[in-house]
C-alpha atoms as a PDB file:
ATOM      1  CA  MET A   1      -0.011   0.054  -0.072  1.00  0.00           C
ATOM      2  CA  LEU A   2       2.827   2.354   0.865  1.00  0.00           C
ATOM      3  CA  ARG A   3       4.745   1.576  -2.330  1.00  0.00           C
ATOM      4  CA  ALA A   4       1.608   2.458  -4.379  1.00  0.00           C
ATOM      5  CA  ARG A   5       1.240   5.767  -2.685  1.00  0.00           C
ATOM      6  CA  VAL A   6       4.952   6.597  -3.353  1.00  0.00           C
ATOM      7  CA  THR A   7       4.538   5.657  -6.935  1.00  0.00           C
ATOM      8  CA  VAL A   8       1.470   7.869  -7.146  1.00  0.00           C
ATOM      9  CA  CYS A   9       3.270  10.828  -5.454  1.00  0.00           C
ATOM     10  CA  ALA A  10       6.261  10.381  -7.693  1.00  0.00           C
ATOM     11  CA  ALA A  11       4.287  10.270 -10.825  1.00  0.00           C
ATOM     12  CA  ALA A  12       2.279  13.337  -9.828  1.00  0.00           C
ATOM     13  CA  LEU A  13       5.430  15.258  -9.112  1.00  0.00           C
ATOM     14  CA  ALA A  14       7.022  14.168 -12.363  1.00  0.00           C
ATOM     15  CA  LEU A  15       4.053  15.645 -14.165  1.00  0.00           C
ATOM     16  CA  SER A  16       4.283  18.893 -12.163  1.00  0.00           C
ATOM     17  CA  VAL A  17       0.866  18.342 -10.567  1.00  0.00           C
ATOM     18  CA  SER A  18       0.433  20.257  -7.450  1.00  0.00           C
ATOM     19  CA  VAL A  19      -0.678  18.012  -4.618  1.00  0.00           C
ATOM     20  CA  ALA A  20      -1.458  19.048  -1.060  1.00  0.00           C
ATOM     21  CA  ALA A  21      -0.608  15.585   0.285  1.00  0.00           C
ATOM     22  CA  CYS A  22      -0.188  12.069  -0.822  1.00  0.00           C
ATOM     23  CA  GLY A  23      -0.897  10.454   2.514  1.00  0.00           C
ATOM     24  CA  GLY A  24      -3.895   8.620   3.632  1.00  0.00           C
ATOM     25  CA  THR A  25      -5.809   9.526   6.743  1.00  0.00           C
ATOM     26  CA  GLY A  26      -2.833   9.426   9.033  1.00  0.00           C
ATOM     27  CA  GLY A  27      -1.001   6.551  10.617  1.00  0.00           C
ATOM     28  CA  ALA A  28       2.459   4.973  10.165  1.00  0.00           C
ATOM     29  CA  ASP A  29       2.229   4.581   6.406  1.00  0.00           C
ATOM     30  CA  SER A  30       1.100   8.183   5.524  1.00  0.00           C
ATOM     31  CA  LEU A  31       3.448  10.427   3.698  1.00  0.00           C
ATOM     32  CA  PRO A  32       3.922  14.119   4.902  1.00  0.00           C
ATOM     33  CA  ALA A  33       2.260  17.001   3.221  1.00  0.00           C
ATOM     34  CA  ILE A  34       3.918  18.406   0.150  1.00  0.00           C
ATOM     35  CA  CYS A  35       3.987  22.351  -0.035  1.00  0.00           C
ATOM     36  CA  PRO A  36       2.279  23.818  -3.063  1.00  0.00           C
ATOM     37  CA  GLN A  37       4.459  25.362  -5.738  1.00  0.00           C
ATOM     38  CA  ILE A  38       4.740  29.145  -4.961  1.00  0.00           C
ATOM     39  CA  ALA A  39       6.833  32.096  -6.363  1.00  0.00           C
ATOM     40  CA  THR A  40      10.376  32.106  -4.873  1.00  0.00           C
ATOM     41  CA  SER A  41      10.109  35.624  -3.543  1.00  0.00           C
ATOM     42  CA  VAL A  42       7.367  38.265  -3.027  1.00  0.00           C
ATOM     43  CA  PHE A  43       8.813  41.702  -3.143  1.00  0.00           C
ATOM     44  CA  THR A  44       7.015  44.417  -1.048  1.00  0.00           C
ATOM     45  CA  SER A  45       7.805  48.001  -0.034  1.00  0.00           C
ATOM     46  CA  GLY A  46       9.415  49.523   2.775  1.00  0.00           C
ATOM     47  CA  THR A  47      11.387  52.736   3.673  1.00  0.00           C
ATOM     48  CA  LEU A  48      14.431  53.653   5.740  1.00  0.00           C
ATOM     49  CA  ILE A  49      13.503  56.275   8.421  1.00  0.00           C
ATOM     50  CA  SER A  50      16.784  56.571  10.252  1.00  0.00           C
ATOM     51  CA  PRO A  51      19.097  56.892   8.771  1.00  0.00           C
ATOM     52  CA  PRO A  52      17.000  58.209   5.832  1.00  0.00           C
ATOM     53  CA  ASN A  53      17.368  56.587   2.422  1.00  0.00           C
ATOM     54  CA  GLY A  54      20.347  58.289   0.650  1.00  0.00           C
ATOM     55  CA  ALA A  55      21.921  59.623   3.747  1.00  0.00           C
ATOM     56  CA  THR A  56      25.628  60.358   3.723  1.00  0.00           C
ATOM     57  CA  GLY A  57      27.995  60.862   6.611  1.00  0.00           C
ATOM     58  CA  VAL A  58      26.253  58.355   8.832  1.00  0.00           C
ATOM     59  CA  SER A  59      28.324  57.312  11.920  1.00  0.00           C
ATOM     60  CA  PRO A  60      29.600  53.641  11.602  1.00  0.00           C
ATOM     61  CA  ASN A  61      28.527  53.350  15.218  1.00  0.00           C
ATOM     62  CA  LEU A  62      24.957  54.112  14.506  1.00  0.00           C
ATOM     63  CA  GLY A  63      23.832  51.019  16.411  1.00  0.00           C
ATOM     64  CA  LYS A  64      20.051  50.868  15.240  1.00  0.00           C
ATOM     65  CA  ILE A  65      18.180  51.427  12.071  1.00  0.00           C
ATOM     66  CA  THR A  66      14.455  52.246  11.875  1.00  0.00           C
ATOM     67  CA  PHE A  67      12.164  51.596   8.931  1.00  0.00           C
ATOM     68  CA  THR A  68       8.542  51.019   7.836  1.00  0.00           C
ATOM     69  CA  ALA A  69       7.554  47.946   5.859  1.00  0.00           C
ATOM     70  CA  SER A  70       4.240  47.359   4.010  1.00  0.00           C
ATOM     71  CA  SER A  71       3.910  43.854   4.942  1.00  0.00           C
ATOM     72  CA  PRO A  72       3.188  42.803   8.547  1.00  0.00           C
ATOM     73  CA  ASP A  73       5.477  39.735   7.962  1.00  0.00           C
ATOM     74  CA  LEU A  74       8.392  42.134   7.792  1.00  0.00           C
ATOM     75  CA  GLN A  75       7.707  43.692  11.066  1.00  0.00           C
ATOM     76  CA  GLY A  76       9.242  40.896  13.197  1.00  0.00           C
ATOM     77  CA  THR A  77       6.078  38.744  13.408  1.00  0.00           C
ATOM     78  CA  ALA A  78       7.045  36.174  10.942  1.00  0.00           C
ATOM     79  CA  PRO A  79       9.664  33.511  11.480  1.00  0.00           C
ATOM     80  CA  GLY A  80      13.171  34.029   9.892  1.00  0.00           C
ATOM     81  CA  THR A  81      12.794  37.845   9.868  1.00  0.00           C
ATOM     82  CA  VAL A  82      16.398  39.131   8.770  1.00  0.00           C
ATOM     83  CA  VAL A  83      17.623  42.645   8.264  1.00  0.00           C
ATOM     84  CA  THR A  84      20.661  42.560   5.855  1.00  0.00           C
ATOM     85  CA  LEU A  85      22.998  45.381   5.280  1.00  0.00           C
ATOM     86  CA  THR A  86      24.999  44.809   2.061  1.00  0.00           C
ATOM     87  CA  PRO A  87      28.164  46.893   1.654  1.00  0.00           C
ATOM     88  CA  SER A  88      29.085  48.170  -1.768  1.00  0.00           C
ATOM     89  CA  ASN A  89      32.766  47.411  -1.155  1.00  0.00           C
ATOM     90  CA  GLY A  90      32.496  43.690  -1.554  1.00  0.00           C
ATOM     91  CA  ALA A  91      32.797  42.864   2.220  1.00  0.00           C
ATOM     92  CA  PRO A  92      30.374  40.308   3.527  1.00  0.00           C
ATOM     93  CA  ALA A  93      26.746  41.376   4.259  1.00  0.00           C
ATOM     94  CA  VAL A  94      25.914  42.019   7.810  1.00  0.00           C
ATOM     95  CA  GLN A  95      22.786  40.078   8.788  1.00  0.00           C
ATOM     96  CA  GLN A  96      20.743  40.571  11.882  1.00  0.00           C
ATOM     97  CA  PRO A  97      18.198  37.628  12.309  1.00  0.00           C
ATOM     98  CA  ASP A  98      15.217  37.889  14.485  1.00  0.00           C
ATOM     99  CA  SER A  99      16.189  41.394  15.578  1.00  0.00           C
ATOM    100  CA  VAL A 100      13.122  43.340  14.375  1.00  0.00           C
ATOM    101  CA  ILE A 101      10.840  45.064  16.974  1.00  0.00           C
ATOM    102  CA  THR A 102       7.869  47.104  15.772  1.00  0.00           C
ATOM    103  CA  THR A 103       5.966  49.797  17.639  1.00  0.00           C
ATOM    104  CA  ASN A 104       3.103  51.801  15.978  1.00  0.00           C
ATOM    105  CA  ASN A 105       4.011  50.416  12.553  1.00  0.00           C
ATOM    106  CA  VAL A 106       7.707  51.643  12.814  1.00  0.00           C
ATOM    107  CA  SER A 107      10.295  48.817  12.973  1.00  0.00           C
ATOM    108  CA  SER A 108      13.861  48.856  14.291  1.00  0.00           C
ATOM    109  CA  SER A 109      16.705  46.603  14.351  1.00  0.00           C
ATOM    110  CA  VAL A 110      19.973  46.745  16.359  1.00  0.00           C
ATOM    111  CA  ILE A 111      23.081  46.679  14.086  1.00  0.00           C
ATOM    112  CA  PRO A 112      26.741  46.154  14.753  1.00  0.00           C
ATOM    113  CA  THR A 113      29.462  48.689  14.128  1.00  0.00           C
ATOM    114  CA  LEU A 114      29.714  49.240  10.351  1.00  0.00           C
ATOM    115  CA  HIS A 115      32.745  49.921   8.066  1.00  0.00           C
ATOM    116  CA  GLY A 116      33.647  53.671   7.489  1.00  0.00           C
ATOM    117  CA  ALA A 117      33.109  55.297   4.157  1.00  0.00           C
ATOM    118  CA  THR A 118      30.985  52.537   2.826  1.00  0.00           C
ATOM    119  CA  THR A 119      27.527  52.556   1.161  1.00  0.00           C
ATOM    120  CA  TYR A 120      25.085  49.937   2.658  1.00  0.00           C
ATOM    121  CA  THR A 121      21.941  48.754   0.937  1.00  0.00           C
ATOM    122  CA  VAL A 122      19.399  47.627   3.449  1.00  0.00           C
ATOM    123  CA  THR A 123      16.761  44.796   2.962  1.00  0.00           C
ATOM    124  CA  VAL A 124      14.491  43.055   5.352  1.00  0.00           C
ATOM    125  CA  SER A 125      13.178  39.482   4.589  1.00  0.00           C
ATOM    126  CA  ALA A 126      11.005  36.920   6.319  1.00  0.00           C
ATOM    127  CA  THR A 127       9.811  33.366   5.726  1.00  0.00           C
ATOM    128  CA  PRO A 128       6.219  33.547   6.904  1.00  0.00           C
ATOM    129  CA  TYR A 129       3.992  30.407   6.816  1.00  0.00           C
ATOM    130  CA  LEU A 130       1.628  30.287   3.805  1.00  0.00           C
ATOM    131  CA  PRO A 131      -2.032  30.840   4.753  1.00  0.00           C
ATOM    132  CA  GLY A 132      -3.627  27.622   6.129  1.00  0.00           C
ATOM    133  CA  SER A 133      -0.135  25.860   6.623  1.00  0.00           C
ATOM    134  CA  ALA A 134       1.862  25.209   9.688  1.00  0.00           C
ATOM    135  CA  VAL A 135       4.650  23.684   7.595  1.00  0.00           C
ATOM    136  CA  CYS A 136       4.969  25.517   4.245  1.00  0.00           C
ATOM    137  CA  GLN A 137       6.757  28.961   4.096  1.00  0.00           C
ATOM    138  CA  GLY A 138       7.389  31.554   1.466  1.00  0.00           C
ATOM    139  CA  LEU A 139       9.755  34.453   1.168  1.00  0.00           C
ATOM    140  CA  VAL A 140       8.857  38.060   1.570  1.00  0.00           C
ATOM    141  CA  THR A 141      11.472  40.781   0.798  1.00  0.00           C
ATOM    142  CA  ALA A 142      11.651  44.562   0.909  1.00  0.00           C
ATOM    143  CA  THR A 143      14.594  46.792  -0.189  1.00  0.00           C
ATOM    144  CA  LEU A 144      14.414  49.709   2.257  1.00  0.00           C
ATOM    145  CA  GLY A 145      17.072  51.952   0.796  1.00  0.00           C
ATOM    146  CA  SER A 146      20.730  52.763   1.242  1.00  0.00           C
ATOM    147  CA  PHE A 147      23.044  55.038   3.183  1.00  0.00           C
ATOM    148  CA  THR A 148      26.821  55.818   3.273  1.00  0.00           C
ATOM    149  CA  THR A 149      28.882  55.771   6.414  1.00  0.00           C
ATOM    150  CA  GLN A 150      31.530  58.584   7.111  1.00  0.00           C
END
């Protein structure tokens, strides 16, 4: 019985048929649910507040950024919320996982000391659970803007 279900699932996947699950009613021989095909990323909007987008002469010791994001998933409520500061000089990106705190629709994230004389592009992303699923997740991303340190 299990071999027949595996064959059916494999055939369905080979034909790119979306299936919610190939298991039975539960029990030891049931297969886990398969997540539906979704877009790899959903891009949404957001804005740097502090430092403001395009700012120059920002202290490398800023310590915190604040921003708004149009998606509640990017306000620290979704699992895997990450603020990423990508430097233009090729140095590794600075990532601050699970660091977003939101009050009155304004979010903030603590950041480490940054490199001087460097432009950083700031994004926030999260991997919220898909509606109706406790297993399947998607990716939501917003580019907030950029700033240059002194």
